[in-house]
Amino acid sequence: YRTPFCFLENRPQESEIIVNYELCRECSEFSSNRDEALIVVRIEDPKRIGQMFSIKNLKGRIKFPAEVGGQYRICFTSQVKPSVSNPEGILLTAKFSDEVILPPTDSNVTLAKDEHLQQLGKFADILQQRTKDIEKYQDYEIVREGEFKDKIAQANSITQWCVIVQTIVFVTLGGWQIHTLKNYFVKRGLAQNITI
């Protein structure tokens, strides 16, 4: 009675301390027609800033935001004097929940928005860089295509000149051969008055 019974509980930052409590069944006589608290609970954070809770029900749950990570001190103090029928006073069973709940605080929402915006910004930067790479590749392909067309035009021009030169050579050789054969046959007397 009036003596605190304390627990130490480690909790991460931005989580909650959840205590599920249950009083003994024989304690129902204390809670009937009773407005004052059966048990007072005090929870202190690692900075020794505390908050008080009053337990009036036989069973329930206490939630406390653990904004700072570290070791929390939870103390239970009975407000009921022992009696002849129940000399031990109130018996309490408390269980600490292992679940970590992130409360939707404004800081968390702002942090989530900032992280989301940062991810969108990074994605936009990646898209912009890829667009620039595509534009550079397109410019390279245009230059390469122009160079290829110039090479093809140059090759066609060379081919045309080669055909012209070959034709001239063939006509010249043909004329020379005909002239040579004509002179040969005339000198030998095998042909007379050959006109070409």
N, C-alpha and C. Protein backbone atom coordinates (compact mmCIF):
# COMPACT_ATOMS: atom_id res chain seq x y z
N TYR A 1 0.85 -1.18 0.00
CA TYR A 1 0.00 0.00 0.00
C TYR A 1 0.89 1.24 0.00
N ARG A 2 0.69 2.12 -0.98
CA ARG A 2 1.43 3.37 -1.14
C ARG A 2 2.91 3.14 -1.43
N THR A 3 3.31 1.89 -1.67
CA THR A 3 4.69 1.60 -2.00
C THR A 3 4.78 1.25 -3.49
N PRO A 4 5.51 2.02 -4.28
CA PRO A 4 5.54 1.74 -5.72
C PRO A 4 6.31 0.47 -6.04
N PHE A 5 5.76 -0.26 -6.99
CA PHE A 5 6.42 -1.46 -7.52
C PHE A 5 6.77 -1.16 -8.97
N CYS A 6 8.07 -1.14 -9.31
CA CYS A 6 8.52 -0.59 -10.59
C CYS A 6 9.11 -1.65 -11.50
N PHE A 7 8.96 -1.39 -12.81
CA PHE A 7 9.56 -2.19 -13.87
C PHE A 7 10.41 -1.27 -14.73
N LEU A 8 11.40 -1.86 -15.40
CA LEU A 8 12.20 -1.15 -16.39
C LEU A 8 11.96 -1.79 -17.76
N GLU A 9 11.69 -0.96 -18.74
CA GLU A 9 11.35 -1.46 -20.08
C GLU A 9 12.11 -0.62 -21.12
N ASN A 10 12.83 -1.30 -22.01
CA ASN A 10 13.54 -0.63 -23.11
C ASN A 10 12.61 -0.50 -24.31
N ARG A 11 12.59 0.70 -24.89
CA ARG A 11 11.72 0.94 -26.04
C ARG A 11 12.48 1.78 -27.09
N PRO A 12 12.27 1.47 -28.39
CA PRO A 12 12.89 2.29 -29.44
C PRO A 12 12.19 3.63 -29.58
N GLN A 13 12.85 4.53 -30.28
CA GLN A 13 12.30 5.87 -30.49
C GLN A 13 11.05 5.80 -31.37
N GLU A 14 10.11 6.71 -31.12
CA GLU A 14 8.87 6.84 -31.89
C GLU A 14 8.07 5.53 -31.87
N SER A 15 7.93 4.94 -30.70
CA SER A 15 7.09 3.75 -30.55
C SER A 15 6.11 4.00 -29.41
N GLU A 16 5.49 2.95 -28.90
CA GLU A 16 4.55 3.08 -27.79
C GLU A 16 4.84 2.02 -26.74
N ILE A 17 4.63 2.40 -25.49
CA ILE A 17 4.65 1.44 -24.39
C ILE A 17 3.22 1.00 -24.14
N ILE A 18 2.97 -0.29 -24.27
CA ILE A 18 1.63 -0.84 -24.07
C ILE A 18 1.67 -1.81 -22.89
N VAL A 19 0.88 -1.51 -21.87
CA VAL A 19 0.83 -2.36 -20.67
C VAL A 19 -0.58 -2.93 -20.57
N ASN A 20 -0.70 -4.25 -20.66
CA ASN A 20 -1.98 -4.92 -20.43
C ASN A 20 -2.02 -5.37 -18.96
N TYR A 21 -2.99 -4.86 -18.21
CA TYR A 21 -3.04 -5.17 -16.78
C TYR A 21 -4.34 -5.89 -16.44
N GLU A 22 -4.27 -6.64 -15.34
CA GLU A 22 -5.47 -7.35 -14.85
C GLU A 22 -5.32 -7.49 -13.34
N LEU A 23 -6.35 -7.06 -12.62
CA LEU A 23 -6.35 -7.20 -11.16
C LEU A 23 -6.94 -8.54 -10.77
N CYS A 24 -6.70 -8.94 -9.55
CA CYS A 24 -7.20 -10.24 -9.08
C CYS A 24 -8.72 -10.26 -9.04
N ARG A 25 -9.30 -11.41 -9.21
CA ARG A 25 -10.76 -11.54 -9.22
C ARG A 25 -11.36 -11.17 -7.86
N GLU A 26 -10.60 -11.44 -6.80
CA GLU A 26 -11.10 -11.12 -5.46
C GLU A 26 -11.15 -9.62 -5.22
N CYS A 27 -10.56 -8.81 -6.17
CA CYS A 27 -10.51 -7.37 -5.97
C CYS A 27 -11.79 -6.68 -6.42
N SER A 28 -12.77 -7.43 -6.85
CA SER A 28 -14.00 -6.81 -7.35
C SER A 28 -14.70 -6.02 -6.25
N GLU A 29 -14.51 -6.41 -4.99
CA GLU A 29 -15.15 -5.70 -3.88
C GLU A 29 -14.61 -4.27 -3.78
N PHE A 30 -13.34 -4.07 -4.26
CA PHE A 30 -12.77 -2.73 -4.16
C PHE A 30 -13.32 -1.80 -5.24
N SER A 31 -13.63 -2.39 -6.40
CA SER A 31 -14.04 -1.56 -7.53
C SER A 31 -15.52 -1.23 -7.52
N SER A 32 -16.31 -1.92 -6.75
CA SER A 32 -17.75 -1.66 -6.72
C SER A 32 -18.04 -0.36 -5.98
N ASN A 33 -18.80 0.52 -6.67
CA ASN A 33 -19.18 1.82 -6.10
C ASN A 33 -17.94 2.60 -5.64
N ARG A 34 -16.96 2.61 -6.48
CA ARG A 34 -15.72 3.27 -6.09
C ARG A 34 -15.35 4.26 -7.20
N ASP A 35 -15.17 5.53 -6.84
CA ASP A 35 -14.81 6.54 -7.83
C ASP A 35 -13.31 6.80 -7.87
N GLU A 36 -12.62 6.55 -6.77
CA GLU A 36 -11.19 6.83 -6.76
C GLU A 36 -10.42 5.67 -7.38
N ALA A 37 -9.16 5.93 -7.65
CA ALA A 37 -8.33 4.95 -8.34
C ALA A 37 -7.96 3.79 -7.43
N LEU A 38 -7.88 2.59 -8.05
CA LEU A 38 -7.39 1.43 -7.32
C LEU A 38 -5.86 1.41 -7.31
N ILE A 39 -5.31 1.74 -8.46
CA ILE A 39 -3.86 1.75 -8.60
C ILE A 39 -3.47 2.99 -9.42
N VAL A 40 -2.38 3.62 -9.04
CA VAL A 40 -1.83 4.74 -9.80
C VAL A 40 -0.57 4.26 -10.51
N VAL A 41 -0.51 4.54 -11.81
CA VAL A 41 0.64 4.12 -12.61
C VAL A 41 1.40 5.38 -13.04
N ARG A 42 2.71 5.36 -12.84
CA ARG A 42 3.55 6.47 -13.29
C ARG A 42 4.60 5.91 -14.26
N ILE A 43 4.66 6.53 -15.45
CA ILE A 43 5.62 6.11 -16.47
C ILE A 43 6.60 7.27 -16.70
N GLU A 44 7.88 6.98 -16.56
CA GLU A 44 8.91 8.00 -16.75
C GLU A 44 9.78 7.60 -17.94
N ASP A 45 10.07 8.59 -18.81
CA ASP A 45 10.95 8.34 -19.95
C ASP A 45 12.40 8.44 -19.51
N PRO A 46 13.36 8.17 -20.43
CA PRO A 46 14.78 8.24 -20.02
C PRO A 46 15.21 9.60 -19.49
N LYS A 47 14.48 10.67 -19.81
CA LYS A 47 14.79 12.00 -19.30
C LYS A 47 14.10 12.28 -17.96
N ARG A 48 13.47 11.26 -17.40
CA ARG A 48 12.75 11.33 -16.12
C ARG A 48 11.53 12.25 -16.18
N ILE A 49 10.95 12.40 -17.36
CA ILE A 49 9.68 13.12 -17.50
C ILE A 49 8.57 12.09 -17.44
N GLY A 50 7.66 12.25 -16.47
CA GLY A 50 6.68 11.21 -16.22
C GLY A 50 5.25 11.63 -16.47
N GLN A 51 4.37 10.64 -16.49
CA GLN A 51 2.94 10.86 -16.67
C GLN A 51 2.20 9.87 -15.78
N MET A 52 1.10 10.34 -15.17
CA MET A 52 0.34 9.52 -14.23
C MET A 52 -0.91 8.95 -14.92
N PHE A 53 -1.24 7.71 -14.55
CA PHE A 53 -2.46 7.05 -15.02
C PHE A 53 -3.18 6.48 -13.80
N SER A 54 -4.50 6.58 -13.78
CA SER A 54 -5.29 6.02 -12.69
C SER A 54 -6.06 4.80 -13.20
N ILE A 55 -5.93 3.69 -12.50
CA ILE A 55 -6.64 2.46 -12.86
C ILE A 55 -7.86 2.32 -11.96
N LYS A 56 -9.04 2.32 -12.59
CA LYS A 56 -10.28 2.13 -11.84
C LYS A 56 -10.97 0.82 -12.23
N ASN A 57 -10.58 0.27 -13.38
CA ASN A 57 -11.18 -0.99 -13.83
C ASN A 57 -10.31 -2.16 -13.45
N LEU A 58 -10.91 -3.35 -13.43
CA LEU A 58 -10.18 -4.55 -13.06
C LEU A 58 -9.27 -5.05 -14.18
N LYS A 59 -9.55 -4.61 -15.41
CA LYS A 59 -8.79 -5.10 -16.55
C LYS A 59 -8.74 -4.00 -17.61
N GLY A 60 -7.61 -3.87 -18.28
CA GLY A 60 -7.53 -2.84 -19.30
C GLY A 60 -6.15 -2.75 -19.92
N ARG A 61 -5.93 -1.64 -20.61
CA ARG A 61 -4.67 -1.42 -21.32
C ARG A 61 -4.26 0.04 -21.16
N ILE A 62 -2.96 0.24 -20.98
CA ILE A 62 -2.40 1.59 -20.87
C ILE A 62 -1.44 1.78 -22.04
N LYS A 63 -1.57 2.91 -22.73
CA LYS A 63 -0.65 3.25 -23.83
C LYS A 63 0.07 4.54 -23.49
N PHE A 64 1.36 4.53 -23.77
CA PHE A 64 2.17 5.71 -23.52
C PHE A 64 3.14 5.88 -24.69
N PRO A 65 3.17 7.06 -25.33
CA PRO A 65 4.08 7.25 -26.47
C PRO A 65 5.53 7.34 -26.03
N ALA A 66 6.35 6.47 -26.63
CA ALA A 66 7.79 6.49 -26.35
C ALA A 66 8.48 7.30 -27.44
N GLU A 67 8.46 8.62 -27.27
CA GLU A 67 9.04 9.49 -28.29
C GLU A 67 10.56 9.45 -28.29
N VAL A 68 11.14 9.14 -27.12
CA VAL A 68 12.59 9.06 -26.98
C VAL A 68 12.96 7.61 -26.75
N GLY A 69 13.94 7.12 -27.47
CA GLY A 69 14.37 5.74 -27.28
C GLY A 69 15.20 5.61 -26.01
N GLY A 70 15.05 4.47 -25.33
CA GLY A 70 15.82 4.23 -24.13
C GLY A 70 15.05 3.42 -23.10
N GLN A 71 15.46 3.54 -21.84
CA GLN A 71 14.88 2.75 -20.76
C GLN A 71 13.79 3.55 -20.04
N TYR A 72 12.61 2.98 -19.99
CA TYR A 72 11.46 3.61 -19.34
C TYR A 72 11.20 2.92 -18.00
N ARG A 73 10.74 3.75 -17.07
CA ARG A 73 10.45 3.25 -15.72
C ARG A 73 8.95 3.30 -15.50
N ILE A 74 8.35 2.15 -15.23
CA ILE A 74 6.90 2.06 -15.01
C ILE A 74 6.67 1.61 -13.57
N CYS A 75 5.98 2.43 -12.79
CA CYS A 75 5.75 2.15 -11.38
C CYS A 75 4.25 2.05 -11.10
N PHE A 76 3.87 1.01 -10.33
CA PHE A 76 2.48 0.79 -9.91
C PHE A 76 2.40 1.01 -8.40
N THR A 77 1.43 1.82 -8.00
CA THR A 77 1.25 2.10 -6.57
C THR A 77 -0.20 1.82 -6.20
N SER A 78 -0.40 0.92 -5.23
CA SER A 78 -1.76 0.57 -4.79
C SER A 78 -2.32 1.70 -3.92
N GLN A 79 -3.62 2.00 -4.15
CA GLN A 79 -4.30 3.05 -3.40
C GLN A 79 -5.30 2.45 -2.40
N VAL A 80 -5.29 1.12 -2.27
CA VAL A 80 -6.25 0.43 -1.40
C VAL A 80 -5.52 -0.14 -0.20
N LYS A 81 -6.06 0.15 0.97
CA LYS A 81 -5.47 -0.39 2.19
C LYS A 81 -5.84 -1.86 2.35
N PRO A 82 -4.91 -2.66 2.84
CA PRO A 82 -5.25 -4.06 3.13
C PRO A 82 -6.35 -4.13 4.19
N SER A 83 -7.19 -5.13 4.07
CA SER A 83 -8.29 -5.32 5.02
C SER A 83 -8.19 -6.71 5.64
N VAL A 84 -9.13 -6.98 6.56
CA VAL A 84 -9.13 -8.30 7.22
C VAL A 84 -9.46 -9.38 6.19
N SER A 85 -10.43 -9.09 5.28
CA SER A 85 -10.82 -10.08 4.29
C SER A 85 -9.75 -10.27 3.20
N ASN A 86 -8.99 -9.24 2.96
CA ASN A 86 -7.94 -9.32 1.94
C ASN A 86 -6.70 -8.61 2.47
N PRO A 87 -5.92 -9.30 3.32
CA PRO A 87 -4.79 -8.63 3.97
C PRO A 87 -3.67 -8.27 3.01
N GLU A 88 -3.60 -8.94 1.82
CA GLU A 88 -2.52 -8.66 0.88
C GLU A 88 -2.81 -7.45 0.00
N GLY A 89 -4.04 -6.92 0.09
CA GLY A 89 -4.40 -5.78 -0.74
C GLY A 89 -4.74 -6.24 -2.16
N ILE A 90 -4.40 -5.44 -3.14
CA ILE A 90 -4.71 -5.73 -4.53
C ILE A 90 -3.53 -6.43 -5.20
N LEU A 91 -3.82 -7.51 -5.91
CA LEU A 91 -2.80 -8.21 -6.69
C LEU A 91 -2.93 -7.76 -8.15
N LEU A 92 -1.79 -7.49 -8.78
CA LEU A 92 -1.80 -6.95 -10.13
C LEU A 92 -0.95 -7.84 -11.03
N THR A 93 -1.48 -8.14 -12.21
CA THR A 93 -0.72 -8.84 -13.26
C THR A 93 -0.57 -7.89 -14.43
N ALA A 94 0.66 -7.61 -14.83
CA ALA A 94 0.93 -6.68 -15.93
C ALA A 94 1.81 -7.35 -16.96
N LYS A 95 1.46 -7.17 -18.22
CA LYS A 95 2.25 -7.70 -19.34
C LYS A 95 2.57 -6.56 -20.31
N PHE A 96 3.83 -6.50 -20.70
CA PHE A 96 4.25 -5.48 -21.65
C PHE A 96 4.18 -6.06 -23.06
N SER A 97 3.52 -5.33 -23.93
CA SER A 97 3.38 -5.79 -25.30
C SER A 97 4.67 -5.57 -26.07
N ASP A 98 5.03 -6.53 -26.94
CA ASP A 98 6.25 -6.43 -27.74
C ASP A 98 6.03 -5.70 -29.07
N GLU A 99 4.76 -5.42 -29.39
CA GLU A 99 4.50 -4.77 -30.68
C GLU A 99 5.00 -3.33 -30.64
N VAL A 100 5.56 -2.89 -31.75
CA VAL A 100 6.05 -1.52 -31.90
C VAL A 100 5.10 -0.80 -32.84
N ILE A 101 4.47 0.23 -32.34
CA ILE A 101 3.48 0.97 -33.12
C ILE A 101 4.01 2.37 -33.34
N LEU A 102 4.06 2.77 -34.58
CA LEU A 102 4.48 4.14 -34.90
C LEU A 102 3.25 5.02 -34.97
N PRO A 103 3.07 5.93 -34.05
CA PRO A 103 1.89 6.78 -34.09
C PRO A 103 1.94 7.75 -35.26
N PRO A 104 0.80 8.05 -35.87
CA PRO A 104 0.79 8.96 -37.02
C PRO A 104 0.92 10.41 -36.60
N THR A 105 2.09 10.78 -36.11
CA THR A 105 2.31 12.17 -35.69
C THR A 105 2.62 13.03 -36.90
N ASP A 106 2.54 14.33 -36.70
CA ASP A 106 2.81 15.25 -37.80
C ASP A 106 4.25 15.11 -38.29
N SER A 107 5.17 14.85 -37.34
CA SER A 107 6.58 14.72 -37.74
C SER A 107 6.77 13.50 -38.64
N ASN A 108 6.07 12.39 -38.28
CA ASN A 108 6.20 11.19 -39.10
C ASN A 108 5.61 11.42 -40.48
N VAL A 109 4.45 12.09 -40.53
CA VAL A 109 3.82 12.36 -41.83
C VAL A 109 4.71 13.26 -42.67
N THR A 110 5.28 14.30 -42.03
CA THR A 110 6.18 15.19 -42.76
C THR A 110 7.42 14.45 -43.24
N LEU A 111 7.96 13.58 -42.37
CA LEU A 111 9.13 12.80 -42.75
C LEU A 111 8.81 11.88 -43.91
N ALA A 112 7.64 11.23 -43.85
CA ALA A 112 7.24 10.35 -44.95
C ALA A 112 7.07 11.13 -46.25
N LYS A 113 6.46 12.33 -46.15
CA LYS A 113 6.30 13.15 -47.35
C LYS A 113 7.66 13.56 -47.90
N ASP A 114 8.58 13.96 -47.01
CA ASP A 114 9.91 14.38 -47.46
C ASP A 114 10.64 13.21 -48.14
N GLU A 115 10.55 12.00 -47.53
CA GLU A 115 11.20 10.85 -48.13
C GLU A 115 10.58 10.53 -49.48
N HIS A 116 9.24 10.63 -49.56
CA HIS A 116 8.55 10.37 -50.82
C HIS A 116 8.97 11.38 -51.88
N LEU A 117 9.05 12.66 -51.48
CA LEU A 117 9.47 13.69 -52.43
C LEU A 117 10.92 13.49 -52.86
N GLN A 118 11.77 13.05 -51.93
CA GLN A 118 13.16 12.79 -52.29
C GLN A 118 13.26 11.64 -53.29
N GLN A 119 12.44 10.60 -53.08
CA GLN A 119 12.44 9.48 -54.02
C GLN A 119 11.94 9.92 -55.38
N LEU A 120 10.88 10.76 -55.39
CA LEU A 120 10.37 11.28 -56.66
C LEU A 120 11.42 12.14 -57.35
N GLY A 121 12.13 12.97 -56.56
CA GLY A 121 13.18 13.80 -57.13
C GLY A 121 14.30 12.97 -57.75
N LYS A 122 14.70 11.90 -57.04
CA LYS A 122 15.74 11.03 -57.58
C LYS A 122 15.26 10.35 -58.86
N PHE A 123 13.99 9.91 -58.85
CA PHE A 123 13.43 9.26 -60.04
C PHE A 123 13.37 10.25 -61.21
N ALA A 124 13.00 11.50 -60.92
CA ALA A 124 12.95 12.53 -61.97
C ALA A 124 14.36 12.81 -62.51
N ASP A 125 15.36 12.85 -61.63
CA ASP A 125 16.74 13.07 -62.07
C ASP A 125 17.20 11.92 -62.97
N ILE A 126 16.83 10.69 -62.59
CA ILE A 126 17.21 9.54 -63.42
C ILE A 126 16.56 9.62 -64.79
N LEU A 127 15.26 9.97 -64.81
CA LEU A 127 14.56 10.10 -66.09
C LEU A 127 15.17 11.21 -66.94
N GLN A 128 15.51 12.32 -66.31
CA GLN A 128 16.13 13.44 -67.06
C GLN A 128 17.48 13.02 -67.63
N GLN A 129 18.27 12.29 -66.85
CA GLN A 129 19.57 11.84 -67.33
C GLN A 129 19.41 10.85 -68.49
N ARG A 130 18.42 9.96 -68.37
CA ARG A 130 18.19 8.99 -69.45
C ARG A 130 17.70 9.70 -70.71
N THR A 131 16.87 10.74 -70.53
CA THR A 131 16.40 11.50 -71.69
C THR A 131 17.58 12.17 -72.39
N LYS A 132 18.49 12.75 -71.60
CA LYS A 132 19.68 13.37 -72.19
C LYS A 132 20.53 12.34 -72.93
N ASP A 133 20.66 11.15 -72.34
CA ASP A 133 21.44 10.10 -73.00
C ASP A 133 20.79 9.69 -74.32
N ILE A 134 19.45 9.59 -74.32
CA ILE A 134 18.74 9.23 -75.54
C ILE A 134 18.93 10.31 -76.61
N GLU A 135 18.85 11.59 -76.19
CA GLU A 135 19.05 12.68 -77.14
C GLU A 135 20.47 12.65 -77.71
N LYS A 136 21.47 12.40 -76.86
CA LYS A 136 22.85 12.31 -77.34
C LYS A 136 22.99 11.15 -78.33
N TYR A 137 22.36 10.01 -78.02
CA TYR A 137 22.44 8.86 -78.91
C TYR A 137 21.76 9.16 -80.25
N GLN A 138 20.62 9.88 -80.21
CA GLN A 138 19.94 10.26 -81.44
C GLN A 138 20.82 11.20 -82.28
N ASP A 139 21.45 12.17 -81.63
CA ASP A 139 22.36 13.06 -82.35
C ASP A 139 23.51 12.28 -82.97
N TYR A 140 24.05 11.33 -82.22
CA TYR A 140 25.14 10.50 -82.74
C TYR A 140 24.67 9.70 -83.95
N GLU A 141 23.45 9.13 -83.88
CA GLU A 141 22.91 8.34 -84.99
C GLU A 141 22.69 9.23 -86.22
N ILE A 142 22.22 10.48 -85.99
CA ILE A 142 22.02 11.39 -87.12
C ILE A 142 23.34 11.70 -87.79
N VAL A 143 24.39 12.01 -87.00
CA VAL A 143 25.71 12.29 -87.56
C VAL A 143 26.24 11.06 -88.28
N ARG A 144 26.07 9.90 -87.65
CA ARG A 144 26.55 8.66 -88.26
C ARG A 144 25.83 8.37 -89.57
N GLU A 145 24.52 8.60 -89.60
CA GLU A 145 23.76 8.38 -90.83
C GLU A 145 24.21 9.34 -91.93
N GLY A 146 24.47 10.61 -91.56
CA GLY A 146 24.97 11.58 -92.54
C GLY A 146 26.31 11.15 -93.11
N GLU A 147 27.22 10.70 -92.22
CA GLU A 147 28.52 10.23 -92.68
C GLU A 147 28.38 9.02 -93.60
N PHE A 148 27.44 8.12 -93.25
CA PHE A 148 27.23 6.93 -94.07
C PHE A 148 26.70 7.32 -95.45
N LYS A 149 25.76 8.30 -95.50
CA LYS A 149 25.25 8.76 -96.79
C LYS A 149 26.35 9.40 -97.63
N ASP A 150 27.22 10.18 -96.98
CA ASP A 150 28.33 10.79 -97.70
C ASP A 150 29.26 9.72 -98.27
N LYS A 151 29.54 8.69 -97.49
CA LYS A 151 30.40 7.60 -97.97
C LYS A 151 29.76 6.88 -99.15
N ILE A 152 28.44 6.65 -99.06
CA ILE A 152 27.73 5.98 -100.16
C ILE A 152 27.77 6.85 -101.41
N ALA A 153 27.52 8.15 -101.26
CA ALA A 153 27.57 9.05 -102.42
C ALA A 153 28.97 9.07 -103.03
N GLN A 154 29.99 9.09 -102.17
CA GLN A 154 31.37 9.10 -102.66
C GLN A 154 31.68 7.79 -103.39
N ALA A 155 31.21 6.67 -102.84
CA ALA A 155 31.45 5.37 -103.49
C ALA A 155 30.73 5.31 -104.83
N ASN A 156 29.49 5.82 -104.90
CA ASN A 156 28.76 5.83 -106.17
C ASN A 156 29.48 6.69 -107.20
N SER A 157 29.98 7.84 -106.78
CA SER A 157 30.71 8.72 -107.70
C SER A 157 31.96 8.03 -108.24
N ILE A 158 32.70 7.37 -107.34
CA ILE A 158 33.91 6.66 -107.78
C ILE A 158 33.56 5.54 -108.75
N THR A 159 32.45 4.82 -108.43
CA THR A 159 32.03 3.73 -109.32
C THR A 159 31.66 4.26 -110.71
N GLN A 160 30.94 5.37 -110.75
CA GLN A 160 30.57 5.95 -112.05
C GLN A 160 31.81 6.35 -112.85
N TRP A 161 32.77 6.98 -112.21
CA TRP A 161 33.99 7.38 -112.91
C TRP A 161 34.77 6.15 -113.37
N CYS A 162 34.77 5.11 -112.57
CA CYS A 162 35.44 3.88 -112.99
C CYS A 162 34.80 3.30 -114.24
N VAL A 163 33.47 3.29 -114.29
CA VAL A 163 32.76 2.77 -115.47
C VAL A 163 33.09 3.61 -116.71
N ILE A 164 33.11 4.93 -116.54
CA ILE A 164 33.44 5.82 -117.67
C ILE A 164 34.86 5.56 -118.16
N VAL A 165 35.81 5.46 -117.22
CA VAL A 165 37.21 5.22 -117.58
C VAL A 165 37.34 3.87 -118.28
N GLN A 166 36.66 2.85 -117.72
CA GLN A 166 36.73 1.52 -118.34
C GLN A 166 36.17 1.55 -119.76
N THR A 167 35.06 2.24 -119.94
CA THR A 167 34.46 2.34 -121.28
C THR A 167 35.42 3.00 -122.27
N ILE A 168 36.03 4.10 -121.81
CA ILE A 168 37.00 4.79 -122.68
C ILE A 168 38.16 3.87 -123.03
N VAL A 169 38.64 3.13 -122.05
CA VAL A 169 39.77 2.22 -122.28
C VAL A 169 39.38 1.13 -123.26
N PHE A 170 38.19 0.54 -123.03
CA PHE A 170 37.75 -0.53 -123.92
C PHE A 170 37.57 -0.02 -125.36
N VAL A 171 36.96 1.15 -125.54
CA VAL A 171 36.78 1.71 -126.89
C VAL A 171 38.13 1.99 -127.54
N THR A 172 39.06 2.55 -126.76
CA THR A 172 40.40 2.84 -127.29
C THR A 172 41.11 1.57 -127.70
N LEU A 173 41.08 0.56 -126.83
CA LEU A 173 41.74 -0.72 -127.16
C LEU A 173 41.10 -1.38 -128.37
N GLY A 174 39.75 -1.29 -128.41
CA GLY A 174 39.06 -1.89 -129.57
C GLY A 174 39.47 -1.22 -130.86
N GLY A 175 39.50 0.12 -130.86
CA GLY A 175 39.92 0.85 -132.05
C GLY A 175 41.35 0.54 -132.44
N TRP A 176 42.22 0.47 -131.45
CA TRP A 176 43.64 0.17 -131.73
C TRP A 176 43.80 -1.22 -132.32
N GLN A 177 43.06 -2.22 -131.76
CA GLN A 177 43.15 -3.58 -132.28
C GLN A 177 42.64 -3.65 -133.73
N ILE A 178 41.52 -2.97 -133.98
CA ILE A 178 40.98 -2.98 -135.35
C ILE A 178 41.99 -2.34 -136.31
N HIS A 179 42.57 -1.23 -135.92
CA HIS A 179 43.55 -0.55 -136.76
C HIS A 179 44.77 -1.45 -137.00
N THR A 180 45.22 -2.11 -135.96
CA THR A 180 46.39 -2.99 -136.07
C THR A 180 46.09 -4.16 -137.01
N LEU A 181 44.92 -4.79 -136.84
CA LEU A 181 44.55 -5.91 -137.70
C LEU A 181 44.42 -5.47 -139.16
N LYS A 182 43.83 -4.31 -139.39
CA LYS A 182 43.67 -3.79 -140.75
C LYS A 182 45.04 -3.61 -141.42
N ASN A 183 45.97 -2.99 -140.70
CA ASN A 183 47.31 -2.78 -141.26
C ASN A 183 48.01 -4.11 -141.52
N TYR A 184 47.81 -5.07 -140.66
CA TYR A 184 48.44 -6.38 -140.83
C TYR A 184 47.96 -7.05 -142.11
N PHE A 185 46.62 -7.06 -142.27
CA PHE A 185 46.08 -7.74 -143.45
C PHE A 185 46.44 -6.99 -144.74
N VAL A 186 46.53 -5.67 -144.65
CA VAL A 186 46.87 -4.89 -145.85
C VAL A 186 48.33 -5.15 -146.23
N LYS A 187 49.21 -5.18 -145.27
CA LYS A 187 50.62 -5.42 -145.54
C LYS A 187 50.84 -6.81 -146.12
N ARG A 188 50.12 -7.76 -145.70
CA ARG A 188 50.27 -9.13 -146.18
C ARG A 188 49.55 -9.35 -147.51
N GLY A 189 48.78 -8.43 -147.89
CA GLY A 189 48.04 -8.57 -149.13
C GLY A 189 46.86 -9.49 -149.02
N LEU A 190 46.46 -9.78 -147.79
CA LEU A 190 45.31 -10.66 -147.62
C LEU A 190 44.00 -9.92 -147.77
N ALA A 191 44.03 -8.65 -147.65
CA ALA A 191 42.78 -7.90 -147.79
C ALA A 191 43.08 -6.60 -148.48
N GLN A 192 42.19 -6.17 -149.35
CA GLN A 192 42.34 -4.93 -150.10
C GLN A 192 41.12 -4.04 -149.84
N ASN A 193 41.44 -2.78 -149.82
CA ASN A 193 40.38 -1.77 -149.70
C ASN A 193 39.42 -2.06 -148.52
N ILE A 194 40.01 -2.38 -147.38
CA ILE A 194 39.17 -2.56 -146.19
C ILE A 194 38.89 -1.21 -145.57
N THR A 195 37.67 -0.95 -145.49
CA THR A 195 37.28 0.34 -144.88
C THR A 195 36.48 0.06 -143.61
N ILE A 196 36.79 0.80 -142.68
CA ILE A 196 36.05 0.65 -141.41
C ILE A 196 35.56 2.01 -141.00
